[in-house]
Amino acid sequence: MDTITDTIDLKKDNLVKARFEFRSFGQDFRNAAKRMARLSTPVPESLWERSSDEIYILSRVNNTCNAKIRDEKIDIKTCIQATDGLEQWLPVLKSGFPVSASDLVRKIFPAWEVVIPEINKENYTYQEFIDMVDRHPQLEKVHVHKTRFGYMVNHTICETGIVLINGASVFTISSESTDVEDVKRTLVDIGIEGTENINYIQAIKRVIGMIDQPLAN
């Protein structure tokens, strides 16, 4: 990549490829989940059921940064726009540990919109990074366990899931695609059009009391 024009074109390409997502959280989406399973076209066996333990890192001053650690790899996305009630997320960083000081200063802490702590090393191990997060007054670490079931409806990537947020159990359902109309049609077909779109950051903050709002049901 040699020119500013190349950089702009790359950002435009990533924006076009970023998927639009509907997701919601609550206690009862049984009917919608049943319809999603029945309407689904076949998906790879690897997506039938997946479980993972993750750490979400929440910013107390930002609701648009989705940052999580899974298998000691950090994955950060930011919400760049909302269209027809759907959110479009753009990847910022996906990296293993150790993480570089450059990524901490230029990508990670700016994505949270928090004060950048003192950085005095070239690289930080997983535990050093976690310790940095624990000390930061504007960040909150939350343990999340996911059991997810994958589907494909109207060419959209769909899933239902049971999510434990610091041990509290909630149910999630989602549909995402680069095509807004396909997602909207899927929501109608499974019977949850008009349900509040609640992303992981919003859901976790509501469950732990950082946001004083209930989930969808």
N, C-alpha and C. Protein backbone atom coordinates (compact mmCIF):
# COMPACT_ATOMS: atom_id res chain seq x y z
N MET A 1 0.86 -1.19 0.00
CA MET A 1 0.00 0.00 0.00
C MET A 1 0.89 1.23 0.00
N ASP A 2 0.83 2.02 -1.10
CA ASP A 2 1.81 3.08 -1.28
C ASP A 2 1.24 4.49 -1.20
N THR A 3 -0.05 4.65 -1.39
CA THR A 3 -0.61 5.99 -1.48
C THR A 3 -1.80 6.15 -0.54
N ILE A 4 -2.13 7.43 -0.29
CA ILE A 4 -3.32 7.73 0.50
C ILE A 4 -4.56 7.20 -0.21
N THR A 5 -4.58 7.27 -1.53
CA THR A 5 -5.72 6.76 -2.29
C THR A 5 -5.91 5.28 -2.04
N ASP A 6 -4.81 4.50 -1.98
CA ASP A 6 -4.91 3.07 -1.69
C ASP A 6 -5.57 2.85 -0.34
N THR A 7 -5.18 3.66 0.65
CA THR A 7 -5.74 3.52 1.99
C THR A 7 -7.23 3.80 1.99
N ILE A 8 -7.65 4.87 1.32
CA ILE A 8 -9.06 5.23 1.25
C ILE A 8 -9.86 4.13 0.55
N ASP A 9 -9.31 3.61 -0.56
CA ASP A 9 -10.01 2.56 -1.29
C ASP A 9 -10.17 1.31 -0.43
N LEU A 10 -9.15 0.98 0.37
CA LEU A 10 -9.23 -0.19 1.22
C LEU A 10 -10.32 -0.01 2.27
N LYS A 11 -10.40 1.18 2.86
CA LYS A 11 -11.44 1.45 3.85
C LYS A 11 -12.82 1.33 3.22
N LYS A 12 -12.96 1.83 1.99
CA LYS A 12 -14.24 1.71 1.30
C LYS A 12 -14.59 0.25 1.07
N ASP A 13 -13.61 -0.56 0.66
CA ASP A 13 -13.85 -1.98 0.43
C ASP A 13 -14.29 -2.67 1.71
N ASN A 14 -13.63 -2.37 2.82
CA ASN A 14 -13.99 -2.97 4.09
C ASN A 14 -15.38 -2.56 4.52
N LEU A 15 -15.75 -1.29 4.26
CA LEU A 15 -17.07 -0.81 4.61
C LEU A 15 -18.14 -1.56 3.84
N VAL A 16 -17.90 -1.79 2.56
CA VAL A 16 -18.86 -2.52 1.74
C VAL A 16 -19.02 -3.95 2.25
N LYS A 17 -17.91 -4.56 2.68
CA LYS A 17 -17.94 -5.96 3.10
C LYS A 17 -18.46 -6.14 4.52
N ALA A 18 -18.49 -5.08 5.32
CA ALA A 18 -18.95 -5.19 6.70
C ALA A 18 -20.41 -5.61 6.73
N ARG A 19 -20.73 -6.60 7.56
CA ARG A 19 -22.09 -7.14 7.59
C ARG A 19 -23.00 -6.29 8.46
N PHE A 20 -24.28 -6.27 8.08
CA PHE A 20 -25.32 -5.66 8.91
C PHE A 20 -25.89 -6.74 9.82
N GLU A 21 -26.05 -6.41 11.09
CA GLU A 21 -26.43 -7.42 12.08
C GLU A 21 -27.65 -7.00 12.86
N PHE A 22 -28.56 -7.97 13.02
CA PHE A 22 -29.60 -7.87 14.03
C PHE A 22 -29.29 -8.91 15.09
N ARG A 23 -29.35 -8.49 16.33
CA ARG A 23 -29.20 -9.42 17.45
C ARG A 23 -30.07 -8.93 18.59
N SER A 24 -30.61 -9.87 19.34
CA SER A 24 -31.34 -9.46 20.53
C SER A 24 -31.09 -10.46 21.65
N PHE A 25 -31.37 -10.02 22.87
CA PHE A 25 -31.17 -10.83 24.06
C PHE A 25 -32.42 -10.79 24.92
N GLY A 26 -32.73 -11.89 25.56
CA GLY A 26 -33.86 -11.95 26.47
C GLY A 26 -33.91 -13.32 27.13
N GLN A 27 -35.11 -13.66 27.62
CA GLN A 27 -35.30 -14.96 28.27
C GLN A 27 -36.10 -15.94 27.42
N ASP A 28 -36.82 -15.45 26.41
CA ASP A 28 -37.70 -16.36 25.67
C ASP A 28 -37.80 -15.98 24.19
N PHE A 29 -37.04 -16.68 23.36
CA PHE A 29 -37.18 -16.58 21.91
C PHE A 29 -37.45 -17.98 21.33
N ARG A 30 -38.15 -18.81 22.10
CA ARG A 30 -38.33 -20.20 21.70
C ARG A 30 -39.04 -20.35 20.36
N ASN A 31 -40.11 -19.61 20.14
CA ASN A 31 -40.85 -19.74 18.88
C ASN A 31 -40.01 -19.29 17.69
N ALA A 32 -39.30 -18.17 17.85
CA ALA A 32 -38.45 -17.68 16.76
C ALA A 32 -37.31 -18.66 16.50
N ALA A 33 -36.74 -19.23 17.56
CA ALA A 33 -35.64 -20.18 17.40
C ALA A 33 -36.12 -21.43 16.67
N LYS A 34 -37.33 -21.87 16.98
CA LYS A 34 -37.89 -23.06 16.31
C LYS A 34 -38.10 -22.79 14.83
N ARG A 35 -38.62 -21.60 14.50
CA ARG A 35 -38.83 -21.27 13.10
C ARG A 35 -37.49 -21.12 12.36
N MET A 36 -36.51 -20.52 13.02
CA MET A 36 -35.20 -20.37 12.41
C MET A 36 -34.61 -21.74 12.05
N ALA A 37 -34.72 -22.69 12.96
CA ALA A 37 -34.19 -24.03 12.70
C ALA A 37 -34.92 -24.70 11.54
N ARG A 38 -36.23 -24.53 11.46
CA ARG A 38 -37.01 -25.19 10.41
C ARG A 38 -36.80 -24.54 9.04
N LEU A 39 -36.55 -23.24 9.02
CA LEU A 39 -36.37 -22.53 7.75
C LEU A 39 -34.93 -22.62 7.23
N SER A 40 -34.02 -23.06 8.07
CA SER A 40 -32.61 -23.03 7.71
C SER A 40 -32.28 -24.00 6.58
N THR A 41 -31.43 -23.55 5.68
CA THR A 41 -30.79 -24.45 4.73
C THR A 41 -29.64 -25.15 5.45
N PRO A 42 -29.13 -26.27 4.90
CA PRO A 42 -28.04 -26.98 5.59
C PRO A 42 -26.82 -26.10 5.81
N VAL A 43 -26.19 -26.24 6.96
CA VAL A 43 -24.96 -25.52 7.28
C VAL A 43 -23.89 -26.55 7.62
N PRO A 44 -22.60 -26.17 7.54
CA PRO A 44 -21.53 -27.11 7.90
C PRO A 44 -21.68 -27.63 9.32
N GLU A 45 -21.30 -28.88 9.52
CA GLU A 45 -21.45 -29.50 10.84
C GLU A 45 -20.71 -28.73 11.92
N SER A 46 -19.62 -28.06 11.54
CA SER A 46 -18.84 -27.30 12.52
C SER A 46 -19.64 -26.15 13.13
N LEU A 47 -20.74 -25.75 12.47
CA LEU A 47 -21.56 -24.64 12.96
C LEU A 47 -22.80 -25.12 13.71
N TRP A 48 -23.05 -26.41 13.74
CA TRP A 48 -24.24 -26.92 14.41
C TRP A 48 -24.28 -26.47 15.87
N GLU A 49 -23.17 -26.66 16.56
CA GLU A 49 -23.10 -26.27 17.97
C GLU A 49 -21.66 -25.94 18.32
N ARG A 50 -21.46 -24.77 18.92
CA ARG A 50 -20.14 -24.32 19.32
C ARG A 50 -20.20 -23.72 20.72
N SER A 51 -19.16 -23.98 21.50
CA SER A 51 -19.08 -23.40 22.85
C SER A 51 -17.75 -22.68 23.01
N SER A 52 -17.76 -21.62 23.76
CA SER A 52 -16.53 -20.87 23.98
C SER A 52 -16.60 -20.10 25.29
N ASP A 53 -15.44 -19.89 25.88
CA ASP A 53 -15.29 -19.01 27.04
C ASP A 53 -14.55 -17.77 26.59
N GLU A 54 -15.12 -16.61 26.88
CA GLU A 54 -14.58 -15.36 26.38
C GLU A 54 -14.53 -14.31 27.50
N ILE A 55 -13.68 -13.34 27.30
CA ILE A 55 -13.64 -12.18 28.19
C ILE A 55 -13.99 -10.95 27.35
N TYR A 56 -15.07 -10.27 27.72
CA TYR A 56 -15.41 -9.00 27.08
C TYR A 56 -14.84 -7.87 27.91
N ILE A 57 -14.31 -6.88 27.24
CA ILE A 57 -13.77 -5.71 27.93
C ILE A 57 -14.61 -4.51 27.53
N LEU A 58 -15.31 -3.96 28.51
CA LEU A 58 -16.27 -2.88 28.28
C LEU A 58 -15.67 -1.53 28.66
N SER A 59 -16.00 -0.55 27.85
CA SER A 59 -15.63 0.83 28.16
C SER A 59 -16.80 1.52 28.85
N ARG A 60 -16.51 2.24 29.90
CA ARG A 60 -17.57 2.97 30.61
C ARG A 60 -17.99 4.24 29.85
N VAL A 61 -17.24 4.60 28.81
CA VAL A 61 -17.52 5.85 28.10
C VAL A 61 -17.85 5.61 26.63
N ASN A 62 -18.01 4.35 26.24
CA ASN A 62 -18.22 4.03 24.82
C ASN A 62 -19.12 2.80 24.70
N ASN A 63 -20.14 2.89 23.83
CA ASN A 63 -21.05 1.77 23.60
C ASN A 63 -20.94 1.21 22.19
N THR A 64 -19.91 1.58 21.46
CA THR A 64 -19.80 1.16 20.06
C THR A 64 -18.57 0.28 19.80
N CYS A 65 -17.85 -0.08 20.86
CA CYS A 65 -16.65 -0.91 20.70
C CYS A 65 -16.92 -2.30 21.27
N ASN A 66 -16.85 -3.30 20.40
CA ASN A 66 -17.00 -4.69 20.83
C ASN A 66 -15.61 -5.31 20.89
N ALA A 67 -15.11 -5.49 22.10
CA ALA A 67 -13.76 -6.03 22.30
C ALA A 67 -13.85 -7.28 23.16
N LYS A 68 -13.33 -8.39 22.63
CA LYS A 68 -13.36 -9.63 23.40
C LYS A 68 -12.06 -10.39 23.21
N ILE A 69 -11.78 -11.25 24.17
CA ILE A 69 -10.64 -12.15 24.10
C ILE A 69 -11.16 -13.57 24.12
N ARG A 70 -10.77 -14.35 23.12
CA ARG A 70 -11.15 -15.76 23.05
C ARG A 70 -9.91 -16.54 22.63
N ASP A 71 -9.62 -17.62 23.35
CA ASP A 71 -8.44 -18.43 23.07
C ASP A 71 -7.17 -17.57 23.06
N GLU A 72 -7.13 -16.61 23.99
CA GLU A 72 -5.99 -15.70 24.15
C GLU A 72 -5.68 -14.93 22.87
N LYS A 73 -6.72 -14.59 22.14
CA LYS A 73 -6.62 -13.69 20.98
C LYS A 73 -7.63 -12.57 21.17
N ILE A 74 -7.21 -11.34 20.91
CA ILE A 74 -8.10 -10.20 21.08
C ILE A 74 -8.73 -9.84 19.74
N ASP A 75 -10.03 -9.57 19.78
CA ASP A 75 -10.81 -9.28 18.57
C ASP A 75 -11.63 -8.03 18.86
N ILE A 76 -11.43 -6.98 18.07
CA ILE A 76 -12.12 -5.71 18.29
C ILE A 76 -12.86 -5.29 17.02
N LYS A 77 -14.13 -4.93 17.18
CA LYS A 77 -14.95 -4.37 16.11
C LYS A 77 -15.60 -3.10 16.63
N THR A 78 -15.90 -2.18 15.72
CA THR A 78 -16.64 -0.98 16.11
C THR A 78 -17.89 -0.86 15.25
N CYS A 79 -18.95 -0.34 15.87
CA CYS A 79 -20.20 -0.10 15.14
C CYS A 79 -20.07 1.21 14.39
N ILE A 80 -20.16 1.15 13.06
CA ILE A 80 -19.90 2.34 12.26
C ILE A 80 -21.18 3.03 11.79
N GLN A 81 -22.30 2.28 11.76
CA GLN A 81 -23.56 2.92 11.39
C GLN A 81 -24.72 1.99 11.68
N ALA A 82 -25.92 2.57 11.74
CA ALA A 82 -27.15 1.80 11.88
C ALA A 82 -28.06 2.14 10.71
N THR A 83 -28.63 1.12 10.09
CA THR A 83 -29.51 1.29 8.94
C THR A 83 -30.74 0.42 9.14
N ASP A 84 -31.93 1.04 9.13
CA ASP A 84 -33.19 0.31 9.29
C ASP A 84 -33.16 -0.57 10.54
N GLY A 85 -32.56 -0.07 11.61
CA GLY A 85 -32.53 -0.82 12.85
C GLY A 85 -31.45 -1.88 12.93
N LEU A 86 -30.64 -2.02 11.88
CA LEU A 86 -29.54 -2.98 11.86
C LEU A 86 -28.22 -2.25 12.06
N GLU A 87 -27.27 -2.93 12.67
CA GLU A 87 -25.98 -2.31 12.96
C GLU A 87 -24.90 -2.89 12.04
N GLN A 88 -24.02 -2.01 11.56
CA GLN A 88 -22.92 -2.45 10.73
C GLN A 88 -21.62 -2.31 11.51
N TRP A 89 -20.89 -3.42 11.62
CA TRP A 89 -19.68 -3.48 12.43
C TRP A 89 -18.46 -3.66 11.54
N LEU A 90 -17.42 -2.94 11.85
CA LEU A 90 -16.19 -2.99 11.07
C LEU A 90 -15.05 -3.50 11.94
N PRO A 91 -14.31 -4.53 11.49
CA PRO A 91 -13.17 -5.03 12.27
C PRO A 91 -12.09 -3.96 12.44
N VAL A 92 -11.56 -3.87 13.65
CA VAL A 92 -10.46 -2.95 13.95
C VAL A 92 -9.16 -3.71 14.14
N LEU A 93 -9.22 -4.83 14.84
CA LEU A 93 -8.00 -5.57 15.16
C LEU A 93 -8.36 -7.01 15.51
N LYS A 94 -7.56 -7.94 15.05
CA LYS A 94 -7.63 -9.33 15.49
C LYS A 94 -6.20 -9.80 15.64
N SER A 95 -5.80 -10.11 16.88
CA SER A 95 -4.37 -10.36 17.12
C SER A 95 -4.19 -11.32 18.28
N GLY A 96 -3.14 -12.12 18.18
CA GLY A 96 -2.73 -12.93 19.30
C GLY A 96 -1.85 -12.12 20.25
N PHE A 97 -1.41 -12.78 21.30
CA PHE A 97 -0.50 -12.16 22.26
C PHE A 97 0.89 -12.75 22.10
N PRO A 98 1.93 -11.96 22.37
CA PRO A 98 1.89 -10.60 22.93
C PRO A 98 1.36 -9.59 21.92
N VAL A 99 0.78 -8.50 22.47
CA VAL A 99 0.27 -7.42 21.64
C VAL A 99 1.27 -6.27 21.69
N SER A 100 1.42 -5.59 20.56
CA SER A 100 2.45 -4.56 20.48
C SER A 100 2.00 -3.25 21.13
N ALA A 101 2.98 -2.48 21.57
CA ALA A 101 2.69 -1.15 22.12
C ALA A 101 2.02 -0.28 21.06
N SER A 102 2.45 -0.45 19.81
CA SER A 102 1.84 0.34 18.72
C SER A 102 0.35 0.05 18.60
N ASP A 103 -0.05 -1.22 18.66
CA ASP A 103 -1.47 -1.56 18.58
C ASP A 103 -2.24 -1.03 19.79
N LEU A 104 -1.62 -1.08 20.96
CA LEU A 104 -2.28 -0.55 22.16
C LEU A 104 -2.56 0.94 22.02
N VAL A 105 -1.58 1.67 21.53
CA VAL A 105 -1.69 3.14 21.46
C VAL A 105 -2.53 3.60 20.28
N ARG A 106 -2.41 2.93 19.15
CA ARG A 106 -3.05 3.39 17.91
C ARG A 106 -4.43 2.77 17.67
N LYS A 107 -4.70 1.57 18.20
CA LYS A 107 -5.93 0.88 17.85
C LYS A 107 -6.79 0.50 19.06
N ILE A 108 -6.18 -0.16 20.05
CA ILE A 108 -6.98 -0.78 21.10
C ILE A 108 -7.60 0.24 22.05
N PHE A 109 -6.78 1.03 22.73
CA PHE A 109 -7.34 2.00 23.67
C PHE A 109 -8.14 3.10 22.97
N PRO A 110 -7.73 3.57 21.78
CA PRO A 110 -8.58 4.53 21.07
C PRO A 110 -9.96 3.97 20.72
N ALA A 111 -10.06 2.67 20.44
CA ALA A 111 -11.37 2.08 20.13
C ALA A 111 -12.31 2.18 21.32
N TRP A 112 -11.77 2.10 22.54
CA TRP A 112 -12.59 2.25 23.75
C TRP A 112 -12.86 3.71 24.09
N GLU A 113 -12.11 4.62 23.49
CA GLU A 113 -12.20 6.05 23.77
C GLU A 113 -11.88 6.37 25.23
N VAL A 114 -10.89 5.67 25.76
CA VAL A 114 -10.49 5.88 27.14
C VAL A 114 -9.07 6.45 27.18
N VAL A 115 -8.67 6.88 28.38
CA VAL A 115 -7.31 7.38 28.58
C VAL A 115 -6.31 6.25 28.33
N ILE A 116 -5.28 6.54 27.56
CA ILE A 116 -4.25 5.53 27.30
C ILE A 116 -3.30 5.47 28.50
N PRO A 117 -3.16 4.30 29.11
CA PRO A 117 -2.26 4.21 30.27
C PRO A 117 -0.80 4.31 29.85
N GLU A 118 0.06 4.33 30.85
CA GLU A 118 1.50 4.41 30.56
C GLU A 118 1.95 3.13 29.84
N ILE A 119 2.57 3.31 28.69
CA ILE A 119 3.08 2.19 27.90
C ILE A 119 4.60 2.30 27.88
N ASN A 120 5.30 1.34 28.48
CA ASN A 120 6.75 1.45 28.59
C ASN A 120 7.49 0.20 28.11
N LYS A 121 6.75 -0.65 27.36
CA LYS A 121 7.36 -1.85 26.79
C LYS A 121 6.98 -1.94 25.32
N GLU A 122 7.74 -2.70 24.55
CA GLU A 122 7.42 -2.87 23.14
C GLU A 122 6.27 -3.84 22.93
N ASN A 123 6.12 -4.84 23.82
CA ASN A 123 5.08 -5.85 23.69
C ASN A 123 4.55 -6.22 25.06
N TYR A 124 3.28 -6.65 25.09
CA TYR A 124 2.63 -7.03 26.34
C TYR A 124 2.04 -8.42 26.21
N THR A 125 2.35 -9.29 27.17
CA THR A 125 1.79 -10.63 27.18
C THR A 125 0.30 -10.58 27.52
N TYR A 126 -0.34 -11.71 27.38
CA TYR A 126 -1.77 -11.80 27.73
C TYR A 126 -2.01 -11.35 29.17
N GLN A 127 -1.24 -11.88 30.12
CA GLN A 127 -1.47 -11.54 31.52
C GLN A 127 -1.15 -10.07 31.79
N GLU A 128 -0.11 -9.54 31.18
CA GLU A 128 0.21 -8.13 31.36
C GLU A 128 -0.90 -7.24 30.83
N PHE A 129 -1.50 -7.65 29.71
CA PHE A 129 -2.61 -6.87 29.16
C PHE A 129 -3.83 -6.93 30.08
N ILE A 130 -4.15 -8.13 30.57
CA ILE A 130 -5.28 -8.28 31.50
C ILE A 130 -5.06 -7.44 32.76
N ASP A 131 -3.85 -7.45 33.27
CA ASP A 131 -3.55 -6.64 34.46
C ASP A 131 -3.74 -5.16 34.16
N MET A 132 -3.38 -4.73 32.96
CA MET A 132 -3.55 -3.33 32.57
C MET A 132 -5.04 -2.97 32.52
N VAL A 133 -5.85 -3.88 31.99
CA VAL A 133 -7.29 -3.67 31.94
C VAL A 133 -7.87 -3.60 33.35
N ASP A 134 -7.46 -4.52 34.21
CA ASP A 134 -7.98 -4.55 35.59
C ASP A 134 -7.68 -3.25 36.34
N ARG A 135 -6.55 -2.63 36.04
CA ARG A 135 -6.18 -1.40 36.74
C ARG A 135 -6.86 -0.16 36.16
N HIS A 136 -7.42 -0.28 34.97
CA HIS A 136 -7.94 0.91 34.29
C HIS A 136 -9.32 1.28 34.83
N PRO A 137 -9.50 2.50 35.33
CA PRO A 137 -10.78 2.88 35.95
C PRO A 137 -11.94 3.01 34.96
N GLN A 138 -11.65 3.10 33.66
CA GLN A 138 -12.72 3.26 32.67
C GLN A 138 -13.07 1.96 31.95
N LEU A 139 -12.45 0.85 32.36
CA LEU A 139 -12.69 -0.43 31.71
C LEU A 139 -13.24 -1.45 32.71
N GLU A 140 -14.03 -2.38 32.19
CA GLU A 140 -14.62 -3.44 33.02
C GLU A 140 -14.49 -4.77 32.29
N LYS A 141 -13.96 -5.76 32.97
CA LYS A 141 -13.77 -7.10 32.39
C LYS A 141 -14.94 -7.99 32.81
N VAL A 142 -15.53 -8.70 31.85
CA VAL A 142 -16.69 -9.55 32.11
C VAL A 142 -16.46 -10.92 31.48
N HIS A 143 -16.75 -11.97 32.24
CA HIS A 143 -16.59 -13.34 31.74
C HIS A 143 -17.89 -13.80 31.07
N VAL A 144 -17.76 -14.31 29.86
CA VAL A 144 -18.92 -14.73 29.07
C VAL A 144 -18.69 -16.14 28.53
N HIS A 145 -19.66 -17.00 28.75
CA HIS A 145 -19.63 -18.35 28.15
C HIS A 145 -20.77 -18.43 27.14
N LYS A 146 -20.46 -18.92 25.93
CA LYS A 146 -21.45 -19.00 24.87
C LYS A 146 -21.62 -20.45 24.41
N THR A 147 -22.87 -20.84 24.23
CA THR A 147 -23.20 -22.07 23.50
C THR A 147 -24.09 -21.65 22.35
N ARG A 148 -23.57 -21.79 21.11
CA ARG A 148 -24.24 -21.22 19.94
C ARG A 148 -24.63 -22.31 18.94
N PHE A 149 -25.76 -22.07 18.26
CA PHE A 149 -26.29 -23.01 17.28
C PHE A 149 -26.48 -22.25 15.96
N GLY A 150 -25.80 -22.70 14.90
CA GLY A 150 -25.77 -21.95 13.66
C GLY A 150 -26.77 -22.41 12.62
N TYR A 151 -27.29 -21.42 11.85
CA TYR A 151 -28.27 -21.68 10.80
C TYR A 151 -27.99 -20.75 9.62
N MET A 152 -28.75 -20.95 8.53
CA MET A 152 -28.68 -20.07 7.36
C MET A 152 -30.11 -19.90 6.84
N VAL A 153 -30.62 -18.67 6.92
CA VAL A 153 -31.98 -18.37 6.47
C VAL A 153 -31.93 -17.17 5.53
N ASN A 154 -32.52 -17.30 4.36
CA ASN A 154 -32.51 -16.23 3.37
C ASN A 154 -31.10 -15.71 3.08
N HIS A 155 -30.17 -16.64 3.02
CA HIS A 155 -28.76 -16.32 2.75
C HIS A 155 -28.12 -15.48 3.86
N THR A 156 -28.73 -15.40 5.02
CA THR A 156 -28.14 -14.68 6.14
C THR A 156 -27.56 -15.67 7.14
N ILE A 157 -26.48 -15.26 7.79
CA ILE A 157 -25.86 -16.07 8.83
C ILE A 157 -26.67 -15.88 10.10
N CYS A 158 -27.21 -16.98 10.62
CA CYS A 158 -28.10 -16.90 11.78
C CYS A 158 -27.57 -17.75 12.92
N GLU A 159 -27.97 -17.39 14.11
CA GLU A 159 -27.66 -18.25 15.25
C GLU A 159 -28.61 -17.98 16.39
N THR A 160 -28.77 -19.00 17.21
CA THR A 160 -29.37 -18.84 18.53
C THR A 160 -28.30 -19.24 19.54
N GLY A 161 -28.47 -18.82 20.77
CA GLY A 161 -27.44 -19.16 21.74
C GLY A 161 -27.87 -18.97 23.17
N ILE A 162 -27.26 -19.74 24.04
CA ILE A 162 -27.40 -19.57 25.49
C ILE A 162 -26.11 -18.93 25.97
N VAL A 163 -26.24 -17.78 26.62
CA VAL A 163 -25.07 -16.99 27.00
C VAL A 163 -25.07 -16.78 28.51
N LEU A 164 -23.94 -17.10 29.13
CA LEU A 164 -23.76 -16.83 30.56
C LEU A 164 -22.89 -15.60 30.71
N ILE A 165 -23.44 -14.57 31.33
CA ILE A 165 -22.73 -13.31 31.54
C ILE A 165 -22.41 -13.18 33.02
N ASN A 166 -21.15 -13.40 33.37
CA ASN A 166 -20.77 -13.51 34.79
C ASN A 166 -21.71 -14.47 35.52
N GLY A 167 -22.11 -15.54 34.83
CA GLY A 167 -22.95 -16.58 35.42
C GLY A 167 -24.44 -16.40 35.21
N ALA A 168 -24.89 -15.22 34.79
CA ALA A 168 -26.31 -14.97 34.54
C ALA A 168 -26.68 -15.48 33.15
N SER A 169 -27.73 -16.30 33.05
CA SER A 169 -28.10 -16.94 31.79
C SER A 169 -29.12 -16.12 31.02
N VAL A 170 -28.80 -15.84 29.74
CA VAL A 170 -29.73 -15.17 28.84
C VAL A 170 -29.70 -15.90 27.50
N PHE A 171 -30.72 -15.63 26.68
CA PHE A 171 -30.84 -16.25 25.36
C PHE A 171 -30.62 -15.19 24.30
N THR A 172 -29.92 -15.55 23.22
CA THR A 172 -29.70 -14.60 22.14
C THR A 172 -30.12 -15.21 20.81
N ILE A 173 -30.48 -14.34 19.88
CA ILE A 173 -30.85 -14.76 18.53
C ILE A 173 -30.36 -13.69 17.57
N SER A 174 -29.87 -14.10 16.38
CA SER A 174 -29.29 -13.11 15.49
C SER A 174 -29.40 -13.52 14.03
N SER A 175 -29.28 -12.51 13.16
CA SER A 175 -29.20 -12.70 11.71
C SER A 175 -28.30 -11.60 11.18
N GLU A 176 -27.38 -11.95 10.28
CA GLU A 176 -26.49 -10.93 9.73
C GLU A 176 -26.14 -11.25 8.29
N SER A 177 -25.91 -10.18 7.53
CA SER A 177 -25.58 -10.30 6.11
C SER A 177 -25.09 -8.95 5.62
N THR A 178 -24.42 -8.95 4.48
CA THR A 178 -24.08 -7.68 3.83
C THR A 178 -25.31 -7.08 3.16
N ASP A 179 -26.40 -7.84 3.05
CA ASP A 179 -27.64 -7.39 2.40
C ASP A 179 -28.68 -7.08 3.46
N VAL A 180 -29.01 -5.80 3.63
CA VAL A 180 -29.97 -5.37 4.65
C VAL A 180 -31.33 -6.03 4.44
N GLU A 181 -31.79 -6.10 3.20
CA GLU A 181 -33.13 -6.62 2.93
C GLU A 181 -33.25 -8.09 3.29
N ASP A 182 -32.18 -8.86 3.09
CA ASP A 182 -32.22 -10.28 3.47
C ASP A 182 -32.40 -10.44 4.97
N VAL A 183 -31.72 -9.61 5.76
CA VAL A 183 -31.87 -9.68 7.22
C VAL A 183 -33.29 -9.28 7.61
N LYS A 184 -33.81 -8.21 7.04
CA LYS A 184 -35.15 -7.76 7.38
C LYS A 184 -36.19 -8.83 7.05
N ARG A 185 -36.01 -9.50 5.91
CA ARG A 185 -36.93 -10.56 5.53
C ARG A 185 -36.85 -11.74 6.50
N THR A 186 -35.65 -12.03 6.96
CA THR A 186 -35.48 -13.13 7.92
C THR A 186 -36.19 -12.82 9.24
N LEU A 187 -36.10 -11.58 9.71
CA LEU A 187 -36.77 -11.21 10.96
C LEU A 187 -38.27 -11.39 10.85
N VAL A 188 -38.83 -11.05 9.69
CA VAL A 188 -40.27 -11.25 9.46
C VAL A 188 -40.59 -12.75 9.44
N ASP A 189 -39.78 -13.51 8.73
CA ASP A 189 -40.05 -14.94 8.57
C ASP A 189 -40.01 -15.70 9.89
N ILE A 190 -39.13 -15.28 10.82
CA ILE A 190 -39.06 -15.99 12.10
C ILE A 190 -39.90 -15.33 13.18
N GLY A 191 -40.54 -14.20 12.84
CA GLY A 191 -41.53 -13.60 13.73
C GLY A 191 -40.99 -12.69 14.81
N ILE A 192 -39.86 -12.01 14.56
CA ILE A 192 -39.35 -11.10 15.60
C ILE A 192 -39.12 -9.69 15.05
N GLU A 193 -39.77 -9.35 13.94
CA GLU A 193 -39.66 -7.97 13.47
C GLU A 193 -40.23 -7.04 14.55
N GLY A 194 -39.59 -5.91 14.75
CA GLY A 194 -40.01 -4.98 15.79
C GLY A 194 -39.35 -5.23 17.13
N THR A 195 -38.64 -6.35 17.28
CA THR A 195 -37.90 -6.63 18.52
C THR A 195 -36.67 -5.73 18.59
N GLU A 196 -36.34 -5.28 19.78
CA GLU A 196 -35.20 -4.37 19.93
C GLU A 196 -33.89 -5.06 19.54
N ASN A 197 -33.10 -4.36 18.75
CA ASN A 197 -31.76 -4.82 18.41
C ASN A 197 -30.83 -4.50 19.58
N ILE A 198 -30.31 -5.55 20.21
CA ILE A 198 -29.43 -5.39 21.38
C ILE A 198 -28.13 -6.12 21.09
N ASN A 199 -27.04 -5.42 20.92
CA ASN A 199 -25.77 -6.08 20.66
C ASN A 199 -25.16 -6.60 21.96
N TYR A 200 -24.04 -7.33 21.82
CA TYR A 200 -23.41 -7.94 22.99
C TYR A 200 -23.01 -6.90 24.04
N ILE A 201 -22.48 -5.76 23.59
CA ILE A 201 -22.04 -4.75 24.55
C ILE A 201 -23.22 -4.22 25.36
N GLN A 202 -24.30 -3.89 24.65
CA GLN A 202 -25.50 -3.42 25.35
C GLN A 202 -26.04 -4.47 26.30
N ALA A 203 -26.10 -5.73 25.84
CA ALA A 203 -26.66 -6.79 26.68
C ALA A 203 -25.84 -7.00 27.94
N ILE A 204 -24.52 -7.07 27.79
CA ILE A 204 -23.67 -7.30 28.95
C ILE A 204 -23.78 -6.14 29.93
N LYS A 205 -23.77 -4.91 29.42
CA LYS A 205 -23.89 -3.75 30.31
C LYS A 205 -25.22 -3.73 31.05
N ARG A 206 -26.30 -4.17 30.38
CA ARG A 206 -27.60 -4.21 31.05
C ARG A 206 -27.63 -5.29 32.13
N VAL A 207 -27.03 -6.44 31.85
CA VAL A 207 -27.03 -7.53 32.82
C VAL A 207 -26.21 -7.18 34.06
N ILE A 208 -25.07 -6.54 33.90
CA ILE A 208 -24.22 -6.23 35.05
C ILE A 208 -24.58 -4.91 35.71
N GLY A 209 -25.56 -4.18 35.14
CA GLY A 209 -26.04 -2.94 35.76
C GLY A 209 -25.32 -1.69 35.34
N MET A 210 -24.47 -1.77 34.32
CA MET A 210 -23.80 -0.57 33.82
C MET A 210 -24.75 0.30 33.02
N ILE A 211 -25.79 -0.33 32.44
CA ILE A 211 -26.86 0.39 31.76
C ILE A 211 -28.17 0.00 32.44
N ASP A 212 -28.97 0.99 32.80
CA ASP A 212 -30.20 0.72 33.53
C ASP A 212 -31.38 0.53 32.55
N GLN A 213 -31.33 -0.60 31.84
CA GLN A 213 -32.40 -0.96 30.92
C GLN A 213 -32.57 -2.48 30.94
N PRO A 214 -33.79 -2.96 30.71
CA PRO A 214 -34.00 -4.41 30.64
C PRO A 214 -33.61 -4.95 29.28
N LEU A 215 -33.59 -6.27 29.14
CA LEU A 215 -33.38 -6.90 27.86
C LEU A 215 -34.72 -6.93 27.11
N ALA A 216 -34.75 -7.59 25.95
CA ALA A 216 -35.94 -7.54 25.11
C ALA A 216 -37.15 -8.20 25.74
N ASN A 217 -36.95 -9.25 26.56
CA ASN A 217 -38.06 -9.88 27.26
C ASN A 217 -37.53 -10.63 28.48
